[in-house]
Amino acid sequence: MIGVVLLTHGSLGLALLKTAEMILGKKDRVEILPVQSGSSLNDIAEVLEEYIIKYKDSGLLILTDMFGGSPTNIAMAYMNEDKVDVVTGVNLPMLIKVLTLREEVNDVTEIAKKVVERGKDSIKRPGDLLNG
């Protein structure tokens, strides 16, 4: 089963994981890597490298909160690593999709592509649906 790193600003990753686990139950092989105000980006990169090594056999999906932010910029440096992929814009439906899909699919790139689609599909304006 692939590993997942939630590399986000502040405590967003932890909040997403706790909420997903409230719905799905406890999940293993999920790492939280917060970027706090004043964090050393080099230190964060070193920890991320440790996770890449830890999950080198199964693969690693790095989920970040927003494209162009420090978490994504750090993660993008590792996109060319074998069995590592990065998806930005993480939200709760995306995380739930990752945590359930990885039980069936072992290809990190395939999971990443499906998670991007889930993220896009989860964005709705209820008024458009009701008045439809």
Protein backbone atom coordinates (compact mmCIF):
# COMPACT_ATOMS: atom_id res chain seq x y z
CA MET A 1 0.00 0.00 0.00
CA ILE A 2 1.35 3.40 -0.97
CA GLY A 3 2.29 5.94 1.65
CA VAL A 4 0.75 9.39 1.84
CA VAL A 5 2.35 12.60 3.06
CA LEU A 6 0.14 15.58 3.86
CA LEU A 7 2.58 18.45 3.34
CA THR A 8 0.56 21.55 4.17
CA HIS A 9 0.67 24.96 5.76
CA GLY A 10 0.10 24.89 9.51
CA SER A 11 -2.15 22.19 10.94
CA LEU A 12 -4.32 21.73 7.84
CA GLY A 13 -2.91 18.26 7.08
CA LEU A 14 -3.53 17.03 10.60
CA ALA A 15 -7.09 18.40 10.58
CA LEU A 16 -7.81 16.71 7.24
CA LEU A 17 -6.45 13.38 8.44
CA LYS A 18 -8.34 13.46 11.74
CA THR A 19 -11.56 14.28 9.89
CA ALA A 20 -11.01 11.53 7.30
CA GLU A 21 -10.32 9.05 10.09
CA MET A 22 -13.54 10.10 11.80
CA ILE A 23 -15.31 8.90 8.64
CA LEU A 24 -13.12 5.92 7.64
CA GLY A 25 -11.48 4.81 10.86
CA LYS A 26 -7.77 4.86 11.72
CA LYS A 27 -5.42 4.79 8.72
CA ASP A 28 -1.80 3.71 8.58
CA ARG A 29 1.02 4.86 6.33
CA VAL A 30 -0.03 8.52 6.43
CA GLU A 31 2.52 11.12 7.46
CA ILE A 32 1.83 14.72 8.48
CA LEU A 33 4.49 17.25 7.53
CA PRO A 34 3.42 20.78 8.50
CA VAL A 35 5.08 23.95 7.29
CA GLN A 36 4.79 26.36 10.21
CA SER A 37 5.70 30.02 10.28
CA GLY A 38 9.48 30.14 10.62
CA SER A 39 9.97 26.50 9.57
CA SER A 40 13.26 25.65 7.95
CA LEU A 41 12.49 24.55 4.40
CA ASN A 42 15.72 22.55 4.38
CA ASP A 43 14.61 20.65 7.49
CA ILE A 44 11.24 19.92 5.90
CA ALA A 45 12.95 18.69 2.73
CA GLU A 46 15.15 16.38 4.81
CA VAL A 47 12.11 14.86 6.53
CA LEU A 48 10.38 14.46 3.17
CA GLU A 49 13.44 12.66 1.83
CA GLU A 50 13.21 10.25 4.79
CA TYR A 51 9.58 9.49 3.87
CA ILE A 52 10.56 8.91 0.24
CA ILE A 53 13.12 6.37 1.41
CA LYS A 54 10.64 4.79 3.84
CA TYR A 55 8.05 4.25 1.06
CA LYS A 56 10.42 3.59 -1.85
CA ASP A 57 9.10 0.07 -2.41
CA SER A 58 5.38 0.84 -2.26
CA GLY A 59 5.34 4.41 -3.59
CA LEU A 60 4.50 7.77 -2.05
CA LEU A 61 1.82 10.32 -2.86
CA ILE A 62 2.52 13.81 -1.54
CA LEU A 63 -0.60 15.92 -1.06
CA THR A 64 -0.12 19.68 -0.69
CA ASP A 65 -2.59 22.45 -0.02
CA MET A 66 -1.95 24.96 -2.79
CA PHE A 67 0.03 25.25 -5.96
CA GLY A 68 2.80 27.84 -5.67
CA GLY A 69 3.07 27.60 -1.89
CA SER A 70 6.17 26.47 -0.03
CA PRO A 71 4.83 22.94 0.62
CA THR A 72 4.25 22.37 -3.09
CA ASN A 73 7.56 23.94 -4.06
CA ILE A 74 9.37 21.57 -1.70
CA ALA A 75 7.44 18.54 -2.97
CA MET A 76 8.01 19.36 -6.65
CA ALA A 77 11.73 18.84 -6.18
CA TYR A 78 10.99 15.11 -5.74
CA MET A 79 8.51 14.56 -8.57
CA ASN A 80 11.07 12.76 -10.70
CA GLU A 81 11.80 10.20 -8.00
CA ASP A 82 10.63 6.69 -8.80
CA LYS A 83 7.16 5.95 -7.39
CA VAL A 84 6.62 9.50 -6.09
CA ASP A 85 3.84 11.81 -7.25
CA VAL A 86 2.50 15.17 -6.07
CA VAL A 87 -1.07 16.49 -6.07
CA THR A 88 -1.92 20.03 -4.97
CA GLY A 89 -5.17 21.52 -3.70
CA VAL A 90 -5.91 18.71 -1.25
CA ASN A 91 -9.39 18.65 0.23
CA LEU A 92 -11.32 16.14 2.31
CA PRO A 93 -12.95 14.26 -0.61
CA MET A 94 -9.52 13.89 -2.24
CA LEU A 95 -7.95 12.52 0.93
CA ILE A 96 -10.80 10.05 1.44
CA LYS A 97 -10.37 8.91 -2.18
CA VAL A 98 -6.63 8.34 -1.66
CA LEU A 99 -7.14 6.44 1.58
CA THR A 100 -9.71 4.10 0.04
CA LEU A 101 -8.25 3.74 -3.45
CA ARG A 102 -4.77 2.80 -2.28
CA GLU A 103 -6.22 -0.38 -0.78
CA GLU A 104 -7.00 -1.56 -4.33
CA VAL A 105 -4.46 0.21 -6.56
CA ASN A 106 -0.67 0.09 -6.14
CA ASP A 107 0.29 2.56 -8.90
CA VAL A 108 0.94 5.97 -7.33
CA THR A 109 0.49 7.83 -10.66
CA GLU A 110 -2.85 6.17 -11.34
CA ILE A 111 -4.04 7.08 -7.85
CA ALA A 112 -2.80 10.67 -8.29
CA LYS A 113 -4.76 11.09 -11.53
CA LYS A 114 -7.96 9.70 -10.00
CA VAL A 115 -7.55 11.90 -6.94
CA VAL A 116 -7.25 15.02 -9.11
CA GLU A 117 -10.53 14.10 -10.83
CA ARG A 118 -12.20 13.50 -7.45
CA GLY A 119 -11.02 16.89 -6.27
CA LYS A 120 -12.48 18.61 -9.32
CA ASP A 121 -15.75 16.68 -9.01
CA SER A 122 -16.12 17.59 -5.34
CA ILE A 123 -16.33 21.32 -6.02
CA LYS A 124 -19.96 22.33 -6.39
CA ARG A 125 -22.18 25.35 -6.04
CA PRO A 126 -25.34 23.95 -4.42
CA GLY A 127 -27.51 26.67 -5.94
CA ASP A 128 -26.62 25.45 -9.41
CA LEU A 129 -27.64 21.92 -8.47
CA LEU A 130 -30.92 22.96 -6.85
CA ASN A 131 -31.91 25.39 -9.58
CA GLY A 132 -30.53 23.20 -12.24
